[in-house]
Amino acid sequence: MKRYYYIIALMILSIVPTYAQVDFGVRAGGAYSSLIQRVQDEYMAGGRFGWSVAGLMDVHLYKGLSFRPEIGFVNQGGSYYSHYNNPLVTETHNKYSYYSIQVPLNLAYTFRLTDIRLSVFAGPTLDFSLFGKMRTHGASPSTSIDFGSKKEPNLKSFDLGVNVGMSVEYSRFFFAINCVTGTLDRRAVKRDGESNIFQNNVTFSLGYFFRKD
């Protein structure tokens, strides 16, 4: 998996010398994350509170348009049901708390309103799950998640998300809210009739830009 980190880092760093204006920043905040499953045309969400910290840069492209990638360390998770509505097997409730490296690759557009910068941004997010704990209701103690293992109730190690958000910046400090919606099924094992599981996050952050101007 390390080779993916190197490729991403090289892609981002290769862009920097091309443009004269590059600003760096940091952010940290809390998040509400949930695992979403669809059962009989109804969506069920099991959520928990987590956090994230990230470094980012803003690469000016044209007028208000910029490329704004991040590299973040995220605590996320949630819960879902296995064997839901299966009369032959006992239903189980699985709870997760785990850590990931997230790499949002956003395009941002910034509107400058006197001393305030208002930005909207969107883009794909690469999510590489690292380690964490899970617990099945009624069982103890918690066990480590073996990401990528073909055994339930583990999770897959990679997710591709869609990130949308906005930020308000004043005097280089900013407040941001963004939502990452996973597009890949996180189930390591899926039986006939079982629902897909998707990871979603809504994050509220405070940050600072080391701007040149």
N, C-alpha and C. Protein backbone atom coordinates (compact mmCIF):
# COMPACT_ATOMS: atom_id res chain seq x y z
N MET A 1 0.82 -1.20 0.00
CA MET A 1 0.00 0.00 0.00
C MET A 1 0.86 1.26 0.00
N LYS A 2 2.10 1.16 0.50
CA LYS A 2 2.95 2.34 0.56
C LYS A 2 3.19 2.94 -0.81
N ARG A 3 3.22 2.11 -1.84
CA ARG A 3 3.49 2.65 -3.18
C ARG A 3 2.39 3.62 -3.62
N TYR A 4 1.14 3.40 -3.14
CA TYR A 4 0.06 4.32 -3.47
C TYR A 4 0.32 5.69 -2.84
N TYR A 5 0.83 5.71 -1.61
CA TYR A 5 1.14 6.98 -0.97
C TYR A 5 2.21 7.73 -1.76
N TYR A 6 3.23 7.00 -2.21
CA TYR A 6 4.30 7.65 -2.97
C TYR A 6 3.79 8.22 -4.29
N ILE A 7 2.93 7.48 -4.97
CA ILE A 7 2.38 7.94 -6.25
C ILE A 7 1.56 9.20 -6.05
N ILE A 8 0.71 9.20 -5.02
CA ILE A 8 -0.13 10.37 -4.74
C ILE A 8 0.73 11.58 -4.40
N ALA A 9 1.75 11.37 -3.55
CA ALA A 9 2.62 12.47 -3.16
C ALA A 9 3.35 13.05 -4.37
N LEU A 10 3.83 12.20 -5.25
CA LEU A 10 4.54 12.68 -6.44
C LEU A 10 3.61 13.44 -7.38
N MET A 11 2.34 12.97 -7.51
CA MET A 11 1.38 13.66 -8.36
C MET A 11 1.12 15.07 -7.84
N ILE A 12 0.94 15.18 -6.52
CA ILE A 12 0.66 16.48 -5.94
C ILE A 12 1.86 17.41 -6.03
N LEU A 13 3.04 16.90 -5.67
CA LEU A 13 4.24 17.74 -5.66
C LEU A 13 4.65 18.17 -7.06
N SER A 14 4.33 17.36 -8.08
CA SER A 14 4.70 17.72 -9.45
C SER A 14 3.93 18.93 -9.95
N ILE A 15 2.78 19.21 -9.32
CA ILE A 15 1.97 20.34 -9.74
C ILE A 15 2.52 21.65 -9.18
N VAL A 16 3.14 21.59 -8.00
CA VAL A 16 3.54 22.80 -7.29
C VAL A 16 4.45 23.72 -8.09
N PRO A 17 5.54 23.22 -8.72
CA PRO A 17 6.44 24.14 -9.43
C PRO A 17 5.80 24.80 -10.64
N THR A 18 4.68 24.28 -11.12
CA THR A 18 4.07 24.80 -12.33
C THR A 18 3.41 26.14 -12.10
N TYR A 19 2.98 26.39 -10.88
CA TYR A 19 2.22 27.59 -10.58
C TYR A 19 2.97 28.46 -9.57
N ALA A 20 2.86 29.79 -9.78
CA ALA A 20 3.60 30.71 -8.94
C ALA A 20 3.00 30.81 -7.55
N GLN A 21 1.67 30.75 -7.43
CA GLN A 21 1.03 30.96 -6.15
C GLN A 21 0.55 29.63 -5.56
N VAL A 22 1.20 29.21 -4.50
CA VAL A 22 0.82 28.01 -3.78
C VAL A 22 0.79 28.35 -2.30
N ASP A 23 -0.34 28.13 -1.67
CA ASP A 23 -0.51 28.40 -0.24
C ASP A 23 -0.76 27.10 0.50
N PHE A 24 -0.19 26.98 1.70
CA PHE A 24 -0.33 25.77 2.50
C PHE A 24 -1.20 26.07 3.72
N GLY A 25 -1.81 25.02 4.25
CA GLY A 25 -2.66 25.20 5.41
C GLY A 25 -2.77 23.93 6.24
N VAL A 26 -3.38 24.06 7.38
CA VAL A 26 -3.66 22.93 8.27
C VAL A 26 -5.09 23.09 8.78
N ARG A 27 -5.69 21.97 9.16
CA ARG A 27 -7.03 22.04 9.75
C ARG A 27 -7.22 20.86 10.69
N ALA A 28 -8.17 21.01 11.62
CA ALA A 28 -8.54 19.94 12.54
C ALA A 28 -9.99 20.13 12.92
N GLY A 29 -10.67 19.01 13.17
CA GLY A 29 -12.08 19.15 13.51
C GLY A 29 -12.73 17.85 13.91
N GLY A 30 -14.01 17.95 14.24
CA GLY A 30 -14.81 16.79 14.62
C GLY A 30 -15.67 16.34 13.45
N ALA A 31 -16.08 15.07 13.50
CA ALA A 31 -16.86 14.51 12.40
C ALA A 31 -17.93 13.56 12.92
N TYR A 32 -19.01 13.51 12.19
CA TYR A 32 -20.02 12.49 12.43
C TYR A 32 -19.93 11.52 11.26
N SER A 33 -19.54 10.28 11.56
CA SER A 33 -19.39 9.28 10.51
C SER A 33 -20.42 8.19 10.70
N SER A 34 -20.82 7.57 9.60
CA SER A 34 -21.84 6.52 9.67
C SER A 34 -21.63 5.50 8.55
N LEU A 35 -22.01 4.28 8.85
CA LEU A 35 -22.08 3.23 7.85
C LEU A 35 -23.53 3.11 7.41
N ILE A 36 -23.76 3.26 6.12
CA ILE A 36 -25.11 3.29 5.56
C ILE A 36 -25.39 1.97 4.85
N GLN A 37 -26.54 1.36 5.14
CA GLN A 37 -26.96 0.17 4.41
C GLN A 37 -28.40 0.35 3.93
N ARG A 38 -28.69 -0.24 2.79
CA ARG A 38 -30.03 -0.17 2.23
C ARG A 38 -30.70 -1.52 2.38
N VAL A 39 -31.81 -1.52 3.10
CA VAL A 39 -32.55 -2.74 3.36
C VAL A 39 -34.00 -2.54 2.93
N GLN A 40 -34.44 -3.32 1.94
CA GLN A 40 -35.82 -3.26 1.46
C GLN A 40 -36.22 -1.82 1.13
N ASP A 41 -35.39 -1.16 0.33
CA ASP A 41 -35.63 0.21 -0.15
C ASP A 41 -35.62 1.26 0.96
N GLU A 42 -35.12 0.91 2.14
CA GLU A 42 -34.96 1.87 3.22
C GLU A 42 -33.49 1.97 3.61
N TYR A 43 -33.05 3.19 3.87
CA TYR A 43 -31.67 3.40 4.27
C TYR A 43 -31.56 3.42 5.79
N MET A 44 -30.62 2.65 6.32
CA MET A 44 -30.37 2.60 7.76
C MET A 44 -28.95 3.07 8.01
N ALA A 45 -28.77 3.93 9.01
CA ALA A 45 -27.46 4.49 9.31
C ALA A 45 -27.11 4.25 10.76
N GLY A 46 -25.93 3.69 10.99
CA GLY A 46 -25.39 3.56 12.34
C GLY A 46 -24.19 4.46 12.46
N GLY A 47 -24.28 5.49 13.32
CA GLY A 47 -23.25 6.52 13.33
C GLY A 47 -22.46 6.60 14.63
N ARG A 48 -21.40 7.40 14.59
CA ARG A 48 -20.57 7.67 15.75
C ARG A 48 -19.82 8.99 15.49
N PHE A 49 -19.27 9.56 16.56
CA PHE A 49 -18.49 10.78 16.42
C PHE A 49 -17.00 10.44 16.36
N GLY A 50 -16.30 11.13 15.46
CA GLY A 50 -14.87 10.94 15.30
C GLY A 50 -14.19 12.29 15.08
N TRP A 51 -13.04 12.28 14.44
CA TRP A 51 -12.28 13.51 14.23
C TRP A 51 -11.35 13.34 13.03
N SER A 52 -10.76 14.44 12.61
CA SER A 52 -9.78 14.40 11.53
C SER A 52 -8.81 15.57 11.67
N VAL A 53 -7.56 15.34 11.24
CA VAL A 53 -6.56 16.40 11.12
C VAL A 53 -5.95 16.28 9.73
N ALA A 54 -5.58 17.40 9.15
CA ALA A 54 -5.09 17.35 7.77
C ALA A 54 -4.17 18.51 7.46
N GLY A 55 -3.29 18.28 6.50
CA GLY A 55 -2.53 19.33 5.86
C GLY A 55 -3.07 19.51 4.46
N LEU A 56 -3.06 20.73 3.95
CA LEU A 56 -3.62 21.00 2.63
C LEU A 56 -2.82 22.08 1.94
N MET A 57 -3.03 22.16 0.64
CA MET A 57 -2.45 23.27 -0.09
C MET A 57 -3.44 23.76 -1.12
N ASP A 58 -3.31 25.04 -1.46
CA ASP A 58 -4.20 25.69 -2.41
C ASP A 58 -3.34 26.18 -3.58
N VAL A 59 -3.51 25.54 -4.73
CA VAL A 59 -2.70 25.85 -5.91
C VAL A 59 -3.55 26.68 -6.88
N HIS A 60 -3.19 27.93 -7.05
CA HIS A 60 -3.95 28.82 -7.92
C HIS A 60 -3.86 28.36 -9.38
N LEU A 61 -5.03 28.24 -10.03
CA LEU A 61 -5.07 27.83 -11.43
C LEU A 61 -5.47 28.98 -12.35
N TYR A 62 -6.64 29.57 -12.08
CA TYR A 62 -7.11 30.66 -12.96
C TYR A 62 -8.17 31.46 -12.20
N LYS A 63 -7.90 32.76 -12.02
CA LYS A 63 -8.81 33.63 -11.28
C LYS A 63 -9.16 33.01 -9.94
N GLY A 64 -10.46 32.71 -9.69
CA GLY A 64 -10.86 32.16 -8.40
C GLY A 64 -10.73 30.65 -8.30
N LEU A 65 -10.31 29.99 -9.39
CA LEU A 65 -10.25 28.54 -9.43
C LEU A 65 -8.89 28.04 -8.92
N SER A 66 -8.92 27.01 -8.08
CA SER A 66 -7.68 26.45 -7.56
C SER A 66 -7.82 24.95 -7.35
N PHE A 67 -6.68 24.28 -7.30
CA PHE A 67 -6.61 22.86 -6.95
C PHE A 67 -6.25 22.78 -5.48
N ARG A 68 -7.08 22.07 -4.68
CA ARG A 68 -6.91 22.08 -3.23
C ARG A 68 -6.86 20.65 -2.68
N PRO A 69 -5.72 19.98 -2.79
CA PRO A 69 -5.61 18.62 -2.24
C PRO A 69 -5.31 18.65 -0.75
N GLU A 70 -5.62 17.53 -0.09
CA GLU A 70 -5.34 17.37 1.33
C GLU A 70 -4.75 15.99 1.57
N ILE A 71 -4.07 15.86 2.70
CA ILE A 71 -3.68 14.56 3.23
C ILE A 71 -4.08 14.57 4.70
N GLY A 72 -5.03 13.70 5.06
CA GLY A 72 -5.58 13.73 6.40
C GLY A 72 -5.52 12.38 7.11
N PHE A 73 -5.53 12.47 8.43
CA PHE A 73 -5.60 11.28 9.29
C PHE A 73 -6.97 11.34 9.96
N VAL A 74 -7.79 10.30 9.77
CA VAL A 74 -9.21 10.36 10.10
C VAL A 74 -9.60 9.20 11.01
N ASN A 75 -10.40 9.51 12.03
CA ASN A 75 -11.04 8.49 12.85
C ASN A 75 -12.51 8.43 12.43
N GLN A 76 -12.95 7.28 11.97
CA GLN A 76 -14.30 7.15 11.46
C GLN A 76 -14.87 5.78 11.82
N GLY A 77 -16.05 5.47 11.28
CA GLY A 77 -16.66 4.17 11.57
C GLY A 77 -18.17 4.25 11.53
N GLY A 78 -18.81 3.51 12.44
CA GLY A 78 -20.26 3.42 12.45
C GLY A 78 -20.69 2.01 12.79
N SER A 79 -21.88 1.64 12.38
CA SER A 79 -22.38 0.29 12.67
C SER A 79 -23.34 -0.16 11.58
N TYR A 80 -23.49 -1.47 11.45
CA TYR A 80 -24.46 -2.03 10.51
C TYR A 80 -24.91 -3.40 11.01
N TYR A 81 -25.98 -3.89 10.39
CA TYR A 81 -26.55 -5.19 10.75
C TYR A 81 -26.16 -6.25 9.72
N SER A 82 -25.77 -7.41 10.23
CA SER A 82 -25.56 -8.58 9.38
C SER A 82 -26.78 -9.48 9.50
N HIS A 83 -27.07 -10.23 8.43
CA HIS A 83 -28.19 -11.18 8.40
C HIS A 83 -29.51 -10.48 8.69
N TYR A 84 -29.64 -9.21 8.26
CA TYR A 84 -30.85 -8.47 8.57
C TYR A 84 -32.05 -9.09 7.85
N ASN A 85 -33.14 -9.33 8.59
CA ASN A 85 -34.38 -9.91 8.08
C ASN A 85 -34.18 -11.29 7.47
N ASN A 86 -33.18 -12.03 7.94
CA ASN A 86 -32.96 -13.40 7.51
C ASN A 86 -33.48 -14.33 8.60
N PRO A 87 -34.60 -15.03 8.37
CA PRO A 87 -35.21 -15.85 9.43
C PRO A 87 -34.37 -17.07 9.81
N LEU A 88 -33.39 -17.42 8.98
CA LEU A 88 -32.61 -18.63 9.23
C LEU A 88 -31.36 -18.36 10.08
N VAL A 89 -30.97 -17.08 10.20
CA VAL A 89 -29.73 -16.75 10.91
C VAL A 89 -30.01 -15.60 11.88
N THR A 90 -29.38 -15.65 13.04
CA THR A 90 -29.55 -14.60 14.04
C THR A 90 -28.94 -13.29 13.56
N GLU A 91 -29.72 -12.24 13.67
CA GLU A 91 -29.26 -10.91 13.27
C GLU A 91 -28.16 -10.42 14.23
N THR A 92 -27.11 -9.80 13.68
CA THR A 92 -26.03 -9.28 14.51
C THR A 92 -25.79 -7.81 14.20
N HIS A 93 -25.39 -7.07 15.23
CA HIS A 93 -25.12 -5.64 15.12
C HIS A 93 -23.63 -5.40 15.32
N ASN A 94 -22.95 -4.89 14.29
CA ASN A 94 -21.51 -4.73 14.30
C ASN A 94 -21.15 -3.25 14.40
N LYS A 95 -20.29 -2.90 15.37
CA LYS A 95 -19.87 -1.52 15.58
C LYS A 95 -18.38 -1.37 15.26
N TYR A 96 -18.03 -0.25 14.59
CA TYR A 96 -16.66 -0.06 14.12
C TYR A 96 -16.12 1.31 14.53
N SER A 97 -14.84 1.34 14.88
CA SER A 97 -14.08 2.57 15.05
C SER A 97 -12.69 2.31 14.47
N TYR A 98 -12.33 3.05 13.41
CA TYR A 98 -11.05 2.78 12.76
C TYR A 98 -10.43 4.06 12.21
N TYR A 99 -9.18 3.92 11.77
CA TYR A 99 -8.38 5.06 11.33
C TYR A 99 -7.97 4.87 9.86
N SER A 100 -7.98 5.99 9.15
CA SER A 100 -7.66 5.97 7.72
C SER A 100 -6.80 7.17 7.35
N ILE A 101 -6.07 7.00 6.25
CA ILE A 101 -5.45 8.12 5.55
C ILE A 101 -6.40 8.51 4.42
N GLN A 102 -6.85 9.76 4.43
CA GLN A 102 -7.73 10.24 3.37
C GLN A 102 -7.01 11.29 2.53
N VAL A 103 -7.22 11.20 1.21
CA VAL A 103 -6.59 12.14 0.28
C VAL A 103 -7.67 12.74 -0.62
N PRO A 104 -8.31 13.84 -0.20
CA PRO A 104 -9.24 14.55 -1.08
C PRO A 104 -8.48 15.32 -2.16
N LEU A 105 -8.96 15.23 -3.38
CA LEU A 105 -8.36 15.95 -4.52
C LEU A 105 -9.40 16.92 -5.05
N ASN A 106 -9.49 18.09 -4.40
CA ASN A 106 -10.60 19.01 -4.65
C ASN A 106 -10.25 20.09 -5.66
N LEU A 107 -11.25 20.50 -6.42
CA LEU A 107 -11.22 21.75 -7.15
C LEU A 107 -12.05 22.75 -6.36
N ALA A 108 -11.49 23.93 -6.12
CA ALA A 108 -12.18 24.94 -5.32
C ALA A 108 -12.37 26.21 -6.13
N TYR A 109 -13.47 26.90 -5.85
CA TYR A 109 -13.67 28.23 -6.43
C TYR A 109 -13.91 29.20 -5.28
N THR A 110 -13.14 30.29 -5.27
CA THR A 110 -13.17 31.23 -4.15
C THR A 110 -13.73 32.57 -4.59
N PHE A 111 -14.71 33.04 -3.81
CA PHE A 111 -15.29 34.37 -4.00
C PHE A 111 -14.71 35.28 -2.91
N ARG A 112 -14.15 36.38 -3.32
CA ARG A 112 -13.55 37.30 -2.34
C ARG A 112 -14.54 38.41 -2.04
N LEU A 113 -14.95 38.50 -0.76
CA LEU A 113 -15.90 39.50 -0.32
C LEU A 113 -15.21 40.38 0.72
N THR A 114 -14.67 41.50 0.28
CA THR A 114 -13.84 42.39 1.12
C THR A 114 -12.76 41.57 1.82
N ASP A 115 -12.83 41.43 3.16
CA ASP A 115 -11.79 40.70 3.90
C ASP A 115 -12.11 39.20 4.06
N ILE A 116 -13.18 38.76 3.46
CA ILE A 116 -13.62 37.37 3.63
C ILE A 116 -13.47 36.62 2.32
N ARG A 117 -12.95 35.41 2.42
CA ARG A 117 -12.91 34.50 1.27
C ARG A 117 -13.93 33.39 1.49
N LEU A 118 -14.85 33.24 0.56
CA LEU A 118 -15.84 32.16 0.60
C LEU A 118 -15.52 31.17 -0.51
N SER A 119 -15.27 29.92 -0.14
CA SER A 119 -14.88 28.90 -1.12
C SER A 119 -15.87 27.75 -1.13
N VAL A 120 -16.14 27.24 -2.31
CA VAL A 120 -16.88 25.99 -2.47
C VAL A 120 -15.94 25.02 -3.19
N PHE A 121 -15.99 23.75 -2.81
CA PHE A 121 -15.05 22.80 -3.40
C PHE A 121 -15.69 21.41 -3.52
N ALA A 122 -15.13 20.63 -4.42
CA ALA A 122 -15.63 19.27 -4.65
C ALA A 122 -14.55 18.47 -5.35
N GLY A 123 -14.61 17.14 -5.16
CA GLY A 123 -13.64 16.27 -5.84
C GLY A 123 -13.66 14.87 -5.27
N PRO A 124 -12.91 13.97 -5.87
CA PRO A 124 -12.82 12.60 -5.36
C PRO A 124 -11.95 12.52 -4.12
N THR A 125 -12.20 11.52 -3.29
CA THR A 125 -11.41 11.29 -2.08
C THR A 125 -10.95 9.84 -2.04
N LEU A 126 -9.64 9.64 -1.90
CA LEU A 126 -9.07 8.30 -1.75
C LEU A 126 -8.96 7.99 -0.27
N ASP A 127 -9.43 6.83 0.13
CA ASP A 127 -9.46 6.46 1.55
C ASP A 127 -8.74 5.12 1.73
N PHE A 128 -7.63 5.15 2.49
CA PHE A 128 -6.84 3.94 2.76
C PHE A 128 -6.98 3.60 4.24
N SER A 129 -7.74 2.56 4.56
CA SER A 129 -7.98 2.18 5.95
C SER A 129 -6.74 1.50 6.53
N LEU A 130 -6.40 1.83 7.78
CA LEU A 130 -5.16 1.37 8.39
C LEU A 130 -5.39 0.35 9.49
N PHE A 131 -6.07 0.74 10.56
CA PHE A 131 -6.27 -0.14 11.70
C PHE A 131 -7.47 0.34 12.50
N GLY A 132 -7.99 -0.52 13.37
CA GLY A 132 -9.13 -0.14 14.19
C GLY A 132 -9.70 -1.33 14.92
N LYS A 133 -10.81 -1.09 15.61
CA LYS A 133 -11.47 -2.10 16.41
C LYS A 133 -12.93 -2.25 15.99
N MET A 134 -13.47 -3.44 16.19
CA MET A 134 -14.89 -3.66 15.96
C MET A 134 -15.43 -4.56 17.06
N ARG A 135 -16.73 -4.46 17.26
CA ARG A 135 -17.38 -5.31 18.26
C ARG A 135 -18.76 -5.71 17.76
N THR A 136 -19.06 -6.98 17.87
CA THR A 136 -20.38 -7.48 17.55
C THR A 136 -21.20 -7.51 18.84
N HIS A 137 -22.41 -6.97 18.77
CA HIS A 137 -23.26 -6.88 19.96
C HIS A 137 -23.44 -8.26 20.61
N GLY A 138 -23.22 -8.28 21.91
CA GLY A 138 -23.35 -9.53 22.64
C GLY A 138 -22.06 -10.30 22.76
N ALA A 139 -21.04 -9.85 22.04
CA ALA A 139 -19.72 -10.52 22.11
C ALA A 139 -18.73 -9.59 22.80
N SER A 140 -17.77 -10.16 23.44
CA SER A 140 -16.73 -9.36 24.08
C SER A 140 -15.44 -10.18 24.12
N PRO A 141 -14.27 -9.54 24.10
CA PRO A 141 -14.10 -8.09 23.97
C PRO A 141 -14.10 -7.67 22.51
N SER A 142 -13.72 -6.38 22.25
CA SER A 142 -13.56 -5.91 20.88
C SER A 142 -12.39 -6.62 20.21
N THR A 143 -12.44 -6.71 18.89
CA THR A 143 -11.35 -7.34 18.14
C THR A 143 -10.82 -6.38 17.08
N SER A 144 -9.59 -6.59 16.67
CA SER A 144 -8.98 -5.75 15.64
C SER A 144 -9.59 -6.06 14.29
N ILE A 145 -9.75 -5.00 13.49
CA ILE A 145 -10.25 -5.18 12.13
C ILE A 145 -9.11 -5.64 11.23
N ASP A 146 -9.31 -6.70 10.53
CA ASP A 146 -8.32 -7.21 9.58
C ASP A 146 -8.73 -6.74 8.19
N PHE A 147 -8.32 -5.51 7.85
CA PHE A 147 -8.75 -4.92 6.59
C PHE A 147 -8.26 -5.75 5.40
N GLY A 148 -9.18 -5.99 4.48
CA GLY A 148 -8.86 -6.77 3.29
C GLY A 148 -9.07 -8.26 3.45
N SER A 149 -9.27 -8.73 4.68
CA SER A 149 -9.50 -10.15 4.91
C SER A 149 -10.88 -10.54 4.38
N LYS A 150 -10.98 -11.71 3.78
CA LYS A 150 -12.24 -12.19 3.22
C LYS A 150 -13.07 -12.91 4.28
N LYS A 151 -13.15 -12.29 5.45
CA LYS A 151 -13.94 -12.86 6.53
C LYS A 151 -14.79 -11.77 7.15
N GLU A 152 -16.05 -12.11 7.39
CA GLU A 152 -16.91 -11.19 8.10
C GLU A 152 -16.58 -11.27 9.59
N PRO A 153 -16.62 -10.16 10.33
CA PRO A 153 -17.15 -8.84 9.92
C PRO A 153 -16.05 -7.82 9.62
N ASN A 154 -15.01 -8.21 8.89
CA ASN A 154 -13.97 -7.26 8.50
C ASN A 154 -14.47 -6.34 7.39
N LEU A 155 -13.67 -5.33 7.09
CA LEU A 155 -14.01 -4.38 6.04
C LEU A 155 -12.93 -4.36 4.97
N LYS A 156 -13.30 -3.88 3.79
CA LYS A 156 -12.31 -3.69 2.73
C LYS A 156 -11.38 -2.54 3.10
N SER A 157 -10.19 -2.57 2.54
CA SER A 157 -9.15 -1.62 2.95
C SER A 157 -9.16 -0.31 2.17
N PHE A 158 -9.94 -0.22 1.08
CA PHE A 158 -9.91 0.99 0.24
C PHE A 158 -11.33 1.44 -0.07
N ASP A 159 -11.49 2.76 -0.10
CA ASP A 159 -12.76 3.35 -0.49
C ASP A 159 -12.49 4.55 -1.39
N LEU A 160 -13.41 4.78 -2.31
CA LEU A 160 -13.37 5.95 -3.19
C LEU A 160 -14.59 6.79 -2.87
N GLY A 161 -14.36 7.99 -2.36
CA GLY A 161 -15.48 8.85 -1.97
C GLY A 161 -15.62 10.06 -2.86
N VAL A 162 -16.75 10.73 -2.70
CA VAL A 162 -17.02 12.01 -3.36
C VAL A 162 -17.13 13.07 -2.27
N ASN A 163 -16.30 14.10 -2.36
CA ASN A 163 -16.22 15.13 -1.33
C ASN A 163 -16.80 16.44 -1.85
N VAL A 164 -17.70 17.05 -1.08
CA VAL A 164 -18.22 18.39 -1.39
C VAL A 164 -18.19 19.20 -0.10
N GLY A 165 -17.96 20.50 -0.23
CA GLY A 165 -17.93 21.31 0.98
C GLY A 165 -17.78 22.79 0.68
N MET A 166 -17.67 23.56 1.74
CA MET A 166 -17.47 25.00 1.63
C MET A 166 -16.66 25.47 2.83
N SER A 167 -15.99 26.61 2.66
CA SER A 167 -15.21 27.19 3.75
C SER A 167 -15.33 28.70 3.73
N VAL A 168 -15.20 29.29 4.92
CA VAL A 168 -15.21 30.74 5.08
C VAL A 168 -13.90 31.13 5.76
N GLU A 169 -13.13 31.98 5.09
CA GLU A 169 -11.81 32.36 5.60
C GLU A 169 -11.78 33.84 5.94
N TYR A 170 -11.22 34.14 7.11
CA TYR A 170 -11.04 35.53 7.53
C TYR A 170 -9.70 35.64 8.24
N SER A 171 -8.88 36.56 7.79
CA SER A 171 -7.56 36.79 8.39
C SER A 171 -6.76 35.49 8.47
N ARG A 172 -6.83 34.70 7.38
CA ARG A 172 -6.10 33.44 7.22
C ARG A 172 -6.67 32.27 8.04
N PHE A 173 -7.54 32.55 9.00
CA PHE A 173 -8.23 31.48 9.70
C PHE A 173 -9.49 31.10 8.91
N PHE A 174 -9.87 29.84 8.97
CA PHE A 174 -11.07 29.45 8.23
C PHE A 174 -11.88 28.40 8.98
N PHE A 175 -13.17 28.40 8.68
CA PHE A 175 -14.08 27.37 9.14
C PHE A 175 -14.59 26.63 7.92
N ALA A 176 -14.60 25.29 7.96
CA ALA A 176 -15.02 24.51 6.80
C ALA A 176 -15.97 23.40 7.23
N ILE A 177 -16.89 23.09 6.35
CA ILE A 177 -17.75 21.93 6.50
C ILE A 177 -17.72 21.15 5.20
N ASN A 178 -17.55 19.84 5.30
CA ASN A 178 -17.53 19.02 4.09
C ASN A 178 -18.14 17.66 4.37
N CYS A 179 -18.61 17.05 3.31
CA CYS A 179 -19.23 15.73 3.39
C CYS A 179 -18.55 14.80 2.40
N VAL A 180 -18.10 13.64 2.88
CA VAL A 180 -17.52 12.61 2.02
C VAL A 180 -18.49 11.44 1.97
N THR A 181 -18.93 11.10 0.77
CA THR A 181 -19.84 9.98 0.57
C THR A 181 -19.10 8.86 -0.13
N GLY A 182 -18.98 7.72 0.52
CA GLY A 182 -18.29 6.58 -0.08
C GLY A 182 -19.09 5.97 -1.23
N THR A 183 -18.39 5.49 -2.23
CA THR A 183 -19.06 4.91 -3.40
C THR A 183 -18.83 3.41 -3.54
N LEU A 184 -17.95 2.84 -2.71
CA LEU A 184 -17.63 1.42 -2.81
C LEU A 184 -18.17 0.66 -1.60
N ASP A 185 -18.67 -0.53 -1.86
CA ASP A 185 -19.18 -1.38 -0.79
C ASP A 185 -18.03 -1.78 0.14
N ARG A 186 -18.18 -1.53 1.45
CA ARG A 186 -17.11 -1.84 2.39
C ARG A 186 -17.16 -3.27 2.93
N ARG A 187 -18.20 -4.02 2.63
CA ARG A 187 -18.30 -5.39 3.13
C ARG A 187 -17.16 -6.25 2.62
N ALA A 188 -16.51 -6.97 3.52
CA ALA A 188 -15.50 -7.93 3.08
C ALA A 188 -16.15 -9.20 2.55
N VAL A 189 -17.32 -9.54 3.09
CA VAL A 189 -18.08 -10.70 2.66
C VAL A 189 -19.52 -10.28 2.45
N LYS A 190 -20.09 -10.68 1.32
CA LYS A 190 -21.48 -10.33 1.04
C LYS A 190 -22.23 -11.56 0.55
N ARG A 191 -23.28 -11.93 1.27
CA ARG A 191 -24.09 -13.08 0.91
C ARG A 191 -25.28 -12.63 0.06
N ASP A 192 -25.93 -13.59 -0.59
CA ASP A 192 -27.09 -13.28 -1.41
C ASP A 192 -28.16 -12.59 -0.56
N GLY A 193 -28.66 -11.47 -1.08
CA GLY A 193 -29.71 -10.77 -0.39
C GLY A 193 -29.25 -9.75 0.62
N GLU A 194 -27.95 -9.71 0.94
CA GLU A 194 -27.45 -8.74 1.91
C GLU A 194 -27.17 -7.40 1.23
N SER A 195 -27.29 -6.33 2.00
CA SER A 195 -27.16 -4.98 1.46
C SER A 195 -25.70 -4.57 1.35
N ASN A 196 -25.48 -3.56 0.50
CA ASN A 196 -24.17 -2.91 0.45
C ASN A 196 -23.99 -2.02 1.68
N ILE A 197 -22.73 -1.78 2.04
CA ILE A 197 -22.40 -0.91 3.16
C ILE A 197 -21.51 0.22 2.65
N PHE A 198 -21.90 1.47 2.93
CA PHE A 198 -21.13 2.62 2.48
C PHE A 198 -20.75 3.49 3.67
N GLN A 199 -19.51 4.04 3.61
CA GLN A 199 -19.01 4.92 4.68
C GLN A 199 -19.25 6.38 4.30
N ASN A 200 -19.93 7.11 5.18
CA ASN A 200 -20.16 8.54 4.98
C ASN A 200 -19.60 9.32 6.16
N ASN A 201 -19.12 10.56 5.88
CA ASN A 201 -18.59 11.44 6.93
C ASN A 201 -19.04 12.88 6.69
N VAL A 202 -19.43 13.56 7.76
CA VAL A 202 -19.65 15.00 7.73
C VAL A 202 -18.69 15.62 8.75
N THR A 203 -17.81 16.52 8.30
CA THR A 203 -16.75 17.04 9.14
C THR A 203 -16.84 18.56 9.27
N PHE A 204 -16.66 19.06 10.50
CA PHE A 204 -16.60 20.48 10.79
C PHE A 204 -15.19 20.80 11.27
N SER A 205 -14.51 21.74 10.59
CA SER A 205 -13.10 21.98 10.86
C SER A 205 -12.80 23.45 11.07
N LEU A 206 -11.76 23.69 11.88
CA LEU A 206 -11.14 25.00 11.99
C LEU A 206 -9.71 24.87 11.46
N GLY A 207 -9.27 25.88 10.72
CA GLY A 207 -7.95 25.77 10.12
C GLY A 207 -7.28 27.10 9.92
N TYR A 208 -6.07 27.03 9.36
CA TYR A 208 -5.26 28.22 9.13
C TYR A 208 -4.49 28.08 7.82
N PHE A 209 -4.49 29.12 7.00
CA PHE A 209 -3.71 29.16 5.76
C PHE A 209 -2.44 30.01 5.98
N PHE A 210 -1.31 29.48 5.55
CA PHE A 210 -0.06 30.24 5.57
C PHE A 210 0.07 30.98 4.24
N ARG A 211 -0.80 31.95 4.05
CA ARG A 211 -0.85 32.64 2.77
C ARG A 211 0.27 33.66 2.62
N LYS A 212 0.66 33.90 1.38
CA LYS A 212 1.75 34.84 1.08
C LYS A 212 1.27 36.27 1.06
N ASP A 213 -0.05 36.46 0.78
CA ASP A 213 -0.55 37.83 0.69
C ASP A 213 -1.24 38.25 1.98
